[in-house]
Amino acid sequence: MEARRVVTGHDDRGRSIIVADERVKGISISALPGIEFHRVWGADGTLTFPGSGAMPAALSYFPPVGGFRFGFFTLPPAAPGEPPPQRDMPAVLAEFEAKLPGLAQYMEPDSPGMHTTPTVDIDVVISGEIVMELDEGKTVTLRAGDSVVQNGTRHRWRNEGSVPATIAFFICGADHQKF
């Protein structure tokens, strides 16, 4: 998926202007073939306006309390049958950290894909169909136009359909007693 980012800001007289109109490149990880992440915007704290529209600091994949993130991710249909090949885990983790800082630390090695984050996530399915799995195997299928609000809950995503599924997300940092 191609993502276009149009960014507004303020000129020196406080008037609204377009400061950027660009494509956001997708991020792929070799250990997760077919999955693509688009980090569109975010900040690690509260913004103040008027402002230039410059990209604020958003260092890690998930925001701290008071921070936010906006983006997309696309999951391909599940590959049938074969287990994934063995990977050089130090290299996989290094690639994760370089491309999506902080994401891997929330993933559960013993339960692939499951994760819990100190965030409120507002997700909207843009295309395709996705299954969200919670604790004890509870699932819900979400289709284009459906949304979910994740309140710091443990979950994972699966695409059991026949076409890629794209989800837009807005994530806010939150206090979580687990962390």
N, C-alpha and C. Protein backbone atom coordinates (compact mmCIF):
# COMPACT_ATOMS: atom_id res chain seq x y z
N MET A 1 0.84 -1.18 0.00
CA MET A 1 0.00 0.00 0.00
C MET A 1 0.89 1.24 0.00
N GLU A 2 0.50 2.23 -0.77
CA GLU A 2 1.19 3.51 -0.73
C GLU A 2 0.41 4.45 0.18
N ALA A 3 1.13 5.14 1.02
CA ALA A 3 0.49 6.10 1.92
C ALA A 3 0.99 7.50 1.58
N ARG A 4 0.07 8.39 1.38
CA ARG A 4 0.41 9.80 1.12
C ARG A 4 0.19 10.58 2.41
N ARG A 5 1.15 11.41 2.76
CA ARG A 5 1.05 12.25 3.96
C ARG A 5 1.09 13.71 3.53
N VAL A 6 -0.01 14.42 3.82
CA VAL A 6 -0.07 15.86 3.62
C VAL A 6 -0.02 16.49 5.01
N VAL A 7 0.92 17.38 5.22
CA VAL A 7 1.12 17.99 6.54
C VAL A 7 0.88 19.48 6.45
N THR A 8 0.12 19.99 7.42
CA THR A 8 -0.11 21.43 7.49
C THR A 8 0.72 22.02 8.62
N GLY A 9 0.85 23.32 8.57
CA GLY A 9 1.55 24.06 9.61
C GLY A 9 1.13 25.51 9.53
N HIS A 10 1.93 26.36 10.10
CA HIS A 10 1.62 27.80 10.12
C HIS A 10 2.81 28.59 9.59
N ASP A 11 2.51 29.63 8.83
CA ASP A 11 3.60 30.50 8.38
C ASP A 11 3.95 31.48 9.50
N ASP A 12 4.87 32.40 9.23
CA ASP A 12 5.32 33.32 10.28
C ASP A 12 4.25 34.32 10.71
N ARG A 13 3.13 34.38 9.98
CA ARG A 13 2.01 35.23 10.39
C ARG A 13 0.89 34.41 11.05
N GLY A 14 1.12 33.11 11.22
CA GLY A 14 0.13 32.26 11.87
C GLY A 14 -0.93 31.71 10.93
N ARG A 15 -0.77 31.90 9.65
CA ARG A 15 -1.74 31.40 8.67
C ARG A 15 -1.44 29.94 8.33
N SER A 16 -2.50 29.19 8.04
CA SER A 16 -2.32 27.78 7.72
C SER A 16 -1.73 27.59 6.33
N ILE A 17 -0.80 26.63 6.26
CA ILE A 17 -0.12 26.34 5.00
C ILE A 17 0.10 24.83 4.89
N ILE A 18 0.38 24.37 3.67
CA ILE A 18 0.83 22.99 3.45
C ILE A 18 2.35 23.02 3.54
N VAL A 19 2.91 22.20 4.41
CA VAL A 19 4.36 22.17 4.56
C VAL A 19 4.98 20.91 3.94
N ALA A 20 4.17 19.89 3.70
CA ALA A 20 4.69 18.68 3.07
C ALA A 20 3.55 17.94 2.38
N ASP A 21 3.88 17.32 1.26
CA ASP A 21 2.97 16.45 0.52
C ASP A 21 3.87 15.37 -0.05
N GLU A 22 3.87 14.22 0.60
CA GLU A 22 4.87 13.20 0.28
C GLU A 22 4.34 11.79 0.49
N ARG A 23 5.05 10.82 -0.02
CA ARG A 23 4.76 9.41 0.17
C ARG A 23 5.52 8.91 1.39
N VAL A 24 4.84 8.09 2.18
CA VAL A 24 5.47 7.45 3.34
C VAL A 24 5.82 6.03 2.92
N LYS A 25 7.08 5.72 2.94
CA LYS A 25 7.52 4.38 2.55
C LYS A 25 7.10 3.34 3.58
N GLY A 26 6.72 2.18 3.09
CA GLY A 26 6.39 1.07 3.97
C GLY A 26 7.65 0.48 4.57
N ILE A 27 7.51 -0.08 5.76
CA ILE A 27 8.61 -0.74 6.45
C ILE A 27 8.30 -2.22 6.49
N SER A 28 9.23 -3.03 6.02
CA SER A 28 9.08 -4.48 6.04
C SER A 28 10.18 -5.08 6.89
N ILE A 29 9.87 -6.21 7.51
CA ILE A 29 10.83 -6.94 8.33
C ILE A 29 10.99 -8.32 7.69
N SER A 30 12.22 -8.77 7.47
CA SER A 30 12.44 -10.03 6.77
C SER A 30 11.80 -11.22 7.50
N ALA A 31 11.70 -11.18 8.82
CA ALA A 31 11.11 -12.28 9.58
C ALA A 31 9.58 -12.32 9.46
N LEU A 32 8.99 -11.24 8.92
CA LEU A 32 7.52 -11.15 8.79
C LEU A 32 7.17 -10.87 7.33
N PRO A 33 7.40 -11.84 6.44
CA PRO A 33 7.16 -11.58 5.02
C PRO A 33 5.72 -11.17 4.74
N GLY A 34 5.58 -10.13 3.92
CA GLY A 34 4.25 -9.67 3.51
C GLY A 34 3.62 -8.66 4.45
N ILE A 35 4.15 -8.51 5.67
CA ILE A 35 3.62 -7.52 6.60
C ILE A 35 4.33 -6.20 6.31
N GLU A 36 3.56 -5.12 6.26
CA GLU A 36 4.13 -3.81 5.98
C GLU A 36 3.57 -2.79 6.96
N PHE A 37 4.44 -1.95 7.48
CA PHE A 37 4.08 -0.91 8.43
C PHE A 37 4.31 0.45 7.78
N HIS A 38 3.39 1.37 8.00
CA HIS A 38 3.57 2.76 7.58
C HIS A 38 3.45 3.63 8.82
N ARG A 39 4.55 4.22 9.23
CA ARG A 39 4.55 5.15 10.36
C ARG A 39 4.30 6.54 9.77
N VAL A 40 3.08 7.04 9.95
CA VAL A 40 2.68 8.29 9.29
C VAL A 40 3.02 9.51 10.14
N TRP A 41 2.67 9.50 11.42
CA TRP A 41 2.89 10.68 12.25
C TRP A 41 2.88 10.28 13.71
N GLY A 42 3.46 11.10 14.53
CA GLY A 42 3.43 10.84 15.97
C GLY A 42 4.24 11.87 16.70
N ALA A 43 4.07 11.87 18.00
CA ALA A 43 4.84 12.76 18.89
C ALA A 43 4.97 12.08 20.23
N ASP A 44 6.04 12.40 20.94
CA ASP A 44 6.24 11.83 22.26
C ASP A 44 5.67 12.69 23.38
N GLY A 45 5.03 13.79 23.04
CA GLY A 45 4.43 14.66 24.04
C GLY A 45 3.36 15.53 23.42
N THR A 46 2.84 16.44 24.20
CA THR A 46 1.79 17.34 23.74
C THR A 46 2.38 18.39 22.80
N LEU A 47 1.70 18.62 21.71
CA LEU A 47 2.16 19.62 20.73
C LEU A 47 1.57 20.99 21.07
N THR A 48 2.24 22.03 20.61
CA THR A 48 1.79 23.41 20.82
C THR A 48 1.70 24.09 19.47
N PHE A 49 0.63 24.85 19.27
CA PHE A 49 0.41 25.56 18.00
C PHE A 49 0.24 27.04 18.26
N PRO A 50 0.51 27.93 17.30
CA PRO A 50 0.92 27.60 15.94
C PRO A 50 2.29 26.97 15.92
N GLY A 51 2.54 26.18 14.85
CA GLY A 51 3.81 25.50 14.70
C GLY A 51 4.18 25.36 13.24
N SER A 52 5.42 24.97 13.02
CA SER A 52 5.95 24.90 11.66
C SER A 52 5.40 23.72 10.87
N GLY A 53 4.90 22.70 11.56
CA GLY A 53 4.46 21.49 10.88
C GLY A 53 5.58 20.49 10.70
N ALA A 54 6.73 20.76 11.31
CA ALA A 54 7.85 19.81 11.23
C ALA A 54 7.51 18.54 12.01
N MET A 55 8.06 17.42 11.55
CA MET A 55 7.84 16.14 12.22
C MET A 55 8.33 16.21 13.66
N PRO A 56 7.43 15.95 14.63
CA PRO A 56 7.86 15.96 16.04
C PRO A 56 8.66 14.70 16.38
N ALA A 57 9.28 14.70 17.52
CA ALA A 57 10.00 13.52 17.99
C ALA A 57 9.00 12.40 18.28
N ALA A 58 9.28 11.23 17.73
CA ALA A 58 8.47 10.03 17.97
C ALA A 58 9.45 8.87 17.88
N LEU A 59 10.19 8.67 18.94
CA LEU A 59 11.34 7.79 18.89
C LEU A 59 11.01 6.30 18.79
N SER A 60 10.12 5.81 19.62
CA SER A 60 9.82 4.38 19.60
C SER A 60 8.49 4.12 18.88
N TYR A 61 8.26 2.87 18.54
CA TYR A 61 7.03 2.51 17.82
C TYR A 61 5.79 2.87 18.64
N PHE A 62 5.81 2.52 19.94
CA PHE A 62 4.68 2.84 20.82
C PHE A 62 5.00 4.11 21.60
N PRO A 63 4.03 4.99 21.78
CA PRO A 63 4.29 6.28 22.43
C PRO A 63 4.33 6.18 23.95
N PRO A 64 5.03 7.10 24.58
CA PRO A 64 4.96 7.22 26.04
C PRO A 64 3.64 7.89 26.44
N VAL A 65 3.36 7.92 27.73
CA VAL A 65 2.19 8.64 28.22
C VAL A 65 2.27 10.08 27.72
N GLY A 66 1.17 10.57 27.15
CA GLY A 66 1.13 11.91 26.59
C GLY A 66 1.52 11.96 25.12
N GLY A 67 2.01 10.85 24.58
CA GLY A 67 2.39 10.78 23.18
C GLY A 67 1.33 10.07 22.36
N PHE A 68 1.52 10.10 21.04
CA PHE A 68 0.57 9.43 20.13
C PHE A 68 1.30 8.97 18.88
N ARG A 69 0.67 8.04 18.16
CA ARG A 69 1.16 7.57 16.88
C ARG A 69 -0.04 7.37 15.95
N PHE A 70 0.21 7.58 14.64
CA PHE A 70 -0.79 7.28 13.62
C PHE A 70 -0.10 6.57 12.48
N GLY A 71 -0.73 5.53 11.98
CA GLY A 71 -0.14 4.80 10.86
C GLY A 71 -1.07 3.73 10.34
N PHE A 72 -0.49 2.86 9.53
CA PHE A 72 -1.20 1.74 8.93
C PHE A 72 -0.32 0.51 9.05
N PHE A 73 -0.94 -0.66 9.06
CA PHE A 73 -0.18 -1.89 8.83
C PHE A 73 -1.02 -2.81 7.98
N THR A 74 -0.34 -3.60 7.18
CA THR A 74 -1.00 -4.53 6.27
C THR A 74 -0.52 -5.94 6.59
N LEU A 75 -1.48 -6.85 6.73
CA LEU A 75 -1.17 -8.26 6.95
C LEU A 75 -1.59 -9.06 5.73
N PRO A 76 -0.69 -9.91 5.21
CA PRO A 76 -1.07 -10.75 4.08
C PRO A 76 -1.94 -11.90 4.57
N PRO A 77 -2.60 -12.59 3.65
CA PRO A 77 -3.34 -13.80 4.06
C PRO A 77 -2.36 -14.79 4.69
N ALA A 78 -2.86 -15.59 5.62
CA ALA A 78 -2.01 -16.58 6.30
C ALA A 78 -1.46 -17.56 5.28
N ALA A 79 -0.18 -17.88 5.43
CA ALA A 79 0.44 -18.88 4.56
C ALA A 79 -0.02 -20.26 5.00
N PRO A 80 -0.46 -21.09 4.07
CA PRO A 80 -0.94 -22.42 4.45
C PRO A 80 0.19 -23.34 4.87
N GLY A 81 -0.12 -24.21 5.79
CA GLY A 81 0.70 -25.37 6.10
C GLY A 81 1.98 -25.23 6.84
N GLU A 82 3.07 -24.94 6.17
CA GLU A 82 4.40 -25.10 6.72
C GLU A 82 4.71 -24.13 7.85
N PRO A 83 5.45 -24.62 8.89
CA PRO A 83 5.89 -23.70 9.94
C PRO A 83 6.94 -22.74 9.37
N PRO A 84 7.08 -21.57 9.98
CA PRO A 84 8.08 -20.62 9.49
C PRO A 84 9.48 -21.19 9.65
N PRO A 85 10.39 -20.81 8.76
CA PRO A 85 11.77 -21.31 8.88
C PRO A 85 12.44 -20.79 10.15
N GLN A 86 13.45 -21.53 10.61
CA GLN A 86 14.23 -21.09 11.76
C GLN A 86 14.97 -19.81 11.39
N ARG A 87 15.06 -18.90 12.32
CA ARG A 87 15.70 -17.60 12.06
C ARG A 87 16.84 -17.38 13.04
N ASP A 88 17.77 -16.55 12.62
CA ASP A 88 18.85 -16.08 13.49
C ASP A 88 18.24 -15.00 14.37
N MET A 89 17.81 -15.39 15.57
CA MET A 89 17.04 -14.48 16.43
C MET A 89 17.78 -13.18 16.77
N PRO A 90 19.07 -13.19 17.07
CA PRO A 90 19.73 -11.90 17.31
C PRO A 90 19.64 -10.97 16.10
N ALA A 91 19.76 -11.53 14.90
CA ALA A 91 19.66 -10.69 13.69
C ALA A 91 18.23 -10.20 13.49
N VAL A 92 17.24 -11.05 13.76
CA VAL A 92 15.83 -10.65 13.64
C VAL A 92 15.54 -9.51 14.61
N LEU A 93 15.96 -9.65 15.85
CA LEU A 93 15.71 -8.61 16.85
C LEU A 93 16.43 -7.31 16.51
N ALA A 94 17.62 -7.41 15.97
CA ALA A 94 18.37 -6.21 15.57
C ALA A 94 17.64 -5.49 14.44
N GLU A 95 17.09 -6.25 13.47
CA GLU A 95 16.35 -5.63 12.38
C GLU A 95 15.08 -4.96 12.90
N PHE A 96 14.35 -5.66 13.79
CA PHE A 96 13.15 -5.07 14.40
C PHE A 96 13.50 -3.74 15.05
N GLU A 97 14.54 -3.73 15.86
CA GLU A 97 14.89 -2.53 16.62
C GLU A 97 15.31 -1.40 15.70
N ALA A 98 16.03 -1.72 14.63
CA ALA A 98 16.48 -0.69 13.69
C ALA A 98 15.31 -0.07 12.93
N LYS A 99 14.35 -0.89 12.51
CA LYS A 99 13.27 -0.41 11.65
C LYS A 99 12.02 0.01 12.42
N LEU A 100 11.73 -0.66 13.54
CA LEU A 100 10.53 -0.37 14.34
C LEU A 100 10.94 -0.35 15.82
N PRO A 101 11.64 0.70 16.24
CA PRO A 101 12.21 0.74 17.59
C PRO A 101 11.19 0.48 18.70
N GLY A 102 11.54 -0.46 19.57
CA GLY A 102 10.70 -0.74 20.74
C GLY A 102 9.57 -1.71 20.51
N LEU A 103 9.24 -2.05 19.27
CA LEU A 103 8.10 -2.95 19.00
C LEU A 103 8.34 -4.35 19.54
N ALA A 104 9.51 -4.92 19.27
CA ALA A 104 9.78 -6.31 19.63
C ALA A 104 9.70 -6.56 21.13
N GLN A 105 10.00 -5.58 21.95
CA GLN A 105 10.01 -5.80 23.39
C GLN A 105 8.62 -6.14 23.95
N TYR A 106 7.56 -5.83 23.21
CA TYR A 106 6.21 -6.13 23.68
C TYR A 106 5.68 -7.46 23.15
N MET A 107 6.40 -8.07 22.22
CA MET A 107 5.95 -9.32 21.63
C MET A 107 6.29 -10.49 22.55
N GLU A 108 5.41 -11.49 22.59
CA GLU A 108 5.60 -12.66 23.43
C GLU A 108 6.26 -13.77 22.63
N PRO A 109 7.51 -14.10 22.92
CA PRO A 109 8.22 -15.12 22.15
C PRO A 109 7.53 -16.49 22.17
N ASP A 110 6.87 -16.83 23.27
CA ASP A 110 6.21 -18.14 23.38
C ASP A 110 4.82 -18.17 22.76
N SER A 111 4.33 -17.03 22.31
CA SER A 111 3.00 -16.96 21.71
C SER A 111 3.06 -15.94 20.57
N PRO A 112 3.61 -16.35 19.42
CA PRO A 112 3.87 -15.41 18.32
C PRO A 112 2.70 -14.49 17.99
N GLY A 113 3.03 -13.21 17.92
CA GLY A 113 2.03 -12.19 17.58
C GLY A 113 1.32 -11.59 18.78
N MET A 114 1.22 -12.33 19.89
CA MET A 114 0.54 -11.79 21.07
C MET A 114 1.39 -10.69 21.67
N HIS A 115 0.70 -9.62 22.10
CA HIS A 115 1.40 -8.50 22.72
C HIS A 115 0.41 -7.68 23.55
N THR A 116 0.97 -7.00 24.53
CA THR A 116 0.23 -6.08 25.38
C THR A 116 1.06 -4.81 25.45
N THR A 117 0.43 -3.66 25.25
CA THR A 117 1.18 -2.41 25.27
C THR A 117 0.52 -1.40 26.21
N PRO A 118 1.30 -0.46 26.73
CA PRO A 118 0.75 0.57 27.59
C PRO A 118 0.14 1.70 26.75
N THR A 119 -0.90 1.33 26.00
CA THR A 119 -1.50 2.28 25.07
C THR A 119 -3.00 2.05 24.94
N VAL A 120 -3.69 3.06 24.44
CA VAL A 120 -5.05 2.92 23.92
C VAL A 120 -4.89 2.97 22.41
N ASP A 121 -5.35 1.92 21.75
CA ASP A 121 -5.22 1.82 20.29
C ASP A 121 -6.60 1.91 19.67
N ILE A 122 -6.77 2.80 18.73
CA ILE A 122 -8.03 2.91 17.99
C ILE A 122 -7.71 2.46 16.57
N ASP A 123 -8.28 1.32 16.18
CA ASP A 123 -7.96 0.68 14.91
C ASP A 123 -9.19 0.65 14.02
N VAL A 124 -8.99 0.90 12.73
CA VAL A 124 -10.07 0.83 11.74
C VAL A 124 -9.58 -0.02 10.58
N VAL A 125 -10.36 -1.03 10.22
CA VAL A 125 -10.01 -1.86 9.07
C VAL A 125 -10.34 -1.06 7.81
N ILE A 126 -9.34 -0.84 6.98
CA ILE A 126 -9.49 -0.08 5.75
C ILE A 126 -9.88 -1.01 4.60
N SER A 127 -9.25 -2.20 4.56
CA SER A 127 -9.56 -3.15 3.50
C SER A 127 -9.29 -4.57 4.00
N GLY A 128 -9.95 -5.52 3.39
CA GLY A 128 -9.77 -6.91 3.77
C GLY A 128 -10.54 -7.26 5.02
N GLU A 129 -10.09 -8.33 5.65
CA GLU A 129 -10.76 -8.87 6.84
C GLU A 129 -9.66 -9.35 7.79
N ILE A 130 -9.84 -9.09 9.07
CA ILE A 130 -8.80 -9.42 10.06
C ILE A 130 -9.47 -10.05 11.28
N VAL A 131 -8.78 -10.98 11.90
CA VAL A 131 -9.26 -11.60 13.14
C VAL A 131 -8.40 -11.07 14.27
N MET A 132 -9.06 -10.55 15.30
CA MET A 132 -8.36 -10.12 16.51
C MET A 132 -8.59 -11.20 17.55
N GLU A 133 -7.50 -11.72 18.12
CA GLU A 133 -7.59 -12.75 19.16
C GLU A 133 -7.18 -12.14 20.49
N LEU A 134 -7.97 -12.42 21.52
CA LEU A 134 -7.69 -11.97 22.88
C LEU A 134 -7.31 -13.17 23.74
N ASP A 135 -7.24 -12.96 25.04
CA ASP A 135 -6.95 -14.05 25.96
C ASP A 135 -7.94 -15.20 25.80
N GLU A 136 -7.48 -16.39 26.16
CA GLU A 136 -8.29 -17.61 26.14
C GLU A 136 -8.89 -17.91 24.78
N GLY A 137 -8.24 -17.43 23.72
CA GLY A 137 -8.68 -17.75 22.36
C GLY A 137 -9.93 -17.03 21.89
N LYS A 138 -10.39 -16.04 22.63
CA LYS A 138 -11.57 -15.28 22.20
C LYS A 138 -11.21 -14.49 20.96
N THR A 139 -12.07 -14.53 19.93
CA THR A 139 -11.79 -13.84 18.68
C THR A 139 -12.98 -13.02 18.22
N VAL A 140 -12.67 -12.05 17.38
CA VAL A 140 -13.69 -11.27 16.68
C VAL A 140 -13.14 -10.99 15.29
N THR A 141 -14.01 -11.12 14.28
CA THR A 141 -13.62 -10.83 12.91
C THR A 141 -14.05 -9.42 12.57
N LEU A 142 -13.12 -8.66 12.01
CA LEU A 142 -13.37 -7.27 11.65
C LEU A 142 -13.20 -7.12 10.14
N ARG A 143 -14.13 -6.38 9.53
CA ARG A 143 -14.11 -6.16 8.09
C ARG A 143 -13.97 -4.67 7.80
N ALA A 144 -13.75 -4.34 6.53
CA ALA A 144 -13.58 -2.94 6.13
C ALA A 144 -14.67 -2.07 6.73
N GLY A 145 -14.26 -1.01 7.39
CA GLY A 145 -15.20 -0.09 8.05
C GLY A 145 -15.39 -0.38 9.53
N ASP A 146 -15.03 -1.58 9.99
CA ASP A 146 -15.16 -1.93 11.41
C ASP A 146 -14.00 -1.31 12.19
N SER A 147 -14.26 -1.02 13.46
CA SER A 147 -13.22 -0.45 14.31
C SER A 147 -13.18 -1.19 15.64
N VAL A 148 -12.07 -1.05 16.33
CA VAL A 148 -11.90 -1.63 17.64
C VAL A 148 -11.09 -0.65 18.49
N VAL A 149 -11.42 -0.57 19.77
CA VAL A 149 -10.65 0.22 20.72
C VAL A 149 -9.97 -0.76 21.66
N GLN A 150 -8.66 -0.80 21.60
CA GLN A 150 -7.85 -1.67 22.46
C GLN A 150 -7.45 -0.86 23.69
N ASN A 151 -7.88 -1.28 24.85
CA ASN A 151 -7.56 -0.58 26.10
C ASN A 151 -6.46 -1.33 26.84
N GLY A 152 -5.26 -1.34 26.27
CA GLY A 152 -4.12 -2.01 26.91
C GLY A 152 -4.31 -3.50 27.06
N THR A 153 -5.09 -4.13 26.18
CA THR A 153 -5.38 -5.55 26.31
C THR A 153 -4.42 -6.39 25.47
N ARG A 154 -4.19 -7.61 25.94
CA ARG A 154 -3.35 -8.59 25.24
C ARG A 154 -4.11 -9.06 24.01
N HIS A 155 -3.42 -9.04 22.86
CA HIS A 155 -4.07 -9.44 21.62
C HIS A 155 -3.06 -9.80 20.54
N ARG A 156 -3.58 -10.36 19.45
CA ARG A 156 -2.81 -10.58 18.23
C ARG A 156 -3.76 -10.48 17.05
N TRP A 157 -3.18 -10.25 15.87
CA TRP A 157 -3.94 -10.11 14.63
C TRP A 157 -3.62 -11.29 13.72
N ARG A 158 -4.66 -11.78 13.01
CA ARG A 158 -4.49 -12.83 12.00
C ARG A 158 -5.33 -12.48 10.79
N ASN A 159 -4.80 -12.76 9.63
CA ASN A 159 -5.56 -12.59 8.39
C ASN A 159 -5.91 -13.99 7.89
N GLU A 160 -7.15 -14.40 8.09
CA GLU A 160 -7.61 -15.71 7.64
C GLU A 160 -8.32 -15.62 6.29
N GLY A 161 -8.34 -14.41 5.72
CA GLY A 161 -8.99 -14.20 4.43
C GLY A 161 -8.07 -14.57 3.27
N SER A 162 -8.47 -14.17 2.08
CA SER A 162 -7.71 -14.50 0.87
C SER A 162 -7.00 -13.29 0.26
N VAL A 163 -7.19 -12.10 0.86
CA VAL A 163 -6.54 -10.89 0.36
C VAL A 163 -5.87 -10.17 1.53
N PRO A 164 -4.88 -9.32 1.26
CA PRO A 164 -4.26 -8.56 2.34
C PRO A 164 -5.29 -7.70 3.09
N ALA A 165 -5.05 -7.49 4.37
CA ALA A 165 -5.90 -6.64 5.20
C ALA A 165 -5.08 -5.45 5.68
N THR A 166 -5.63 -4.25 5.54
CA THR A 166 -4.95 -3.04 5.98
C THR A 166 -5.74 -2.39 7.10
N ILE A 167 -5.04 -2.04 8.17
CA ILE A 167 -5.64 -1.44 9.35
C ILE A 167 -4.97 -0.09 9.60
N ALA A 168 -5.78 0.95 9.78
CA ALA A 168 -5.27 2.25 10.21
C ALA A 168 -5.36 2.29 11.73
N PHE A 169 -4.36 2.91 12.36
CA PHE A 169 -4.37 2.98 13.82
C PHE A 169 -3.98 4.35 14.33
N PHE A 170 -4.57 4.69 15.47
CA PHE A 170 -4.17 5.86 16.25
C PHE A 170 -3.91 5.33 17.65
N ILE A 171 -2.71 5.54 18.16
CA ILE A 171 -2.29 4.99 19.45
C ILE A 171 -1.91 6.13 20.39
N CYS A 172 -2.45 6.08 21.61
CA CYS A 172 -2.12 7.06 22.65
C CYS A 172 -1.42 6.34 23.80
N GLY A 173 -0.34 6.92 24.30
CA GLY A 173 0.33 6.37 25.45
C GLY A 173 -0.56 6.44 26.68
N ALA A 174 -0.51 5.39 27.53
CA ALA A 174 -1.36 5.33 28.72
C ALA A 174 -0.60 4.66 29.85
N ASP A 175 -1.05 4.89 31.07
CA ASP A 175 -0.50 4.16 32.22
C ASP A 175 -1.08 2.75 32.20
N HIS A 176 -0.24 1.76 32.45
CA HIS A 176 -0.67 0.36 32.46
C HIS A 176 0.01 -0.29 33.67
N GLN A 177 -0.75 -0.91 34.54
CA GLN A 177 -0.19 -1.48 35.76
C GLN A 177 0.83 -2.59 35.49
N LYS A 178 0.78 -3.20 34.29
CA LYS A 178 1.72 -4.27 33.94
C LYS A 178 3.13 -3.73 33.73
N PHE A 179 3.25 -2.46 33.36
CA PHE A 179 4.55 -1.92 32.97
C PHE A 179 5.10 -0.96 34.02
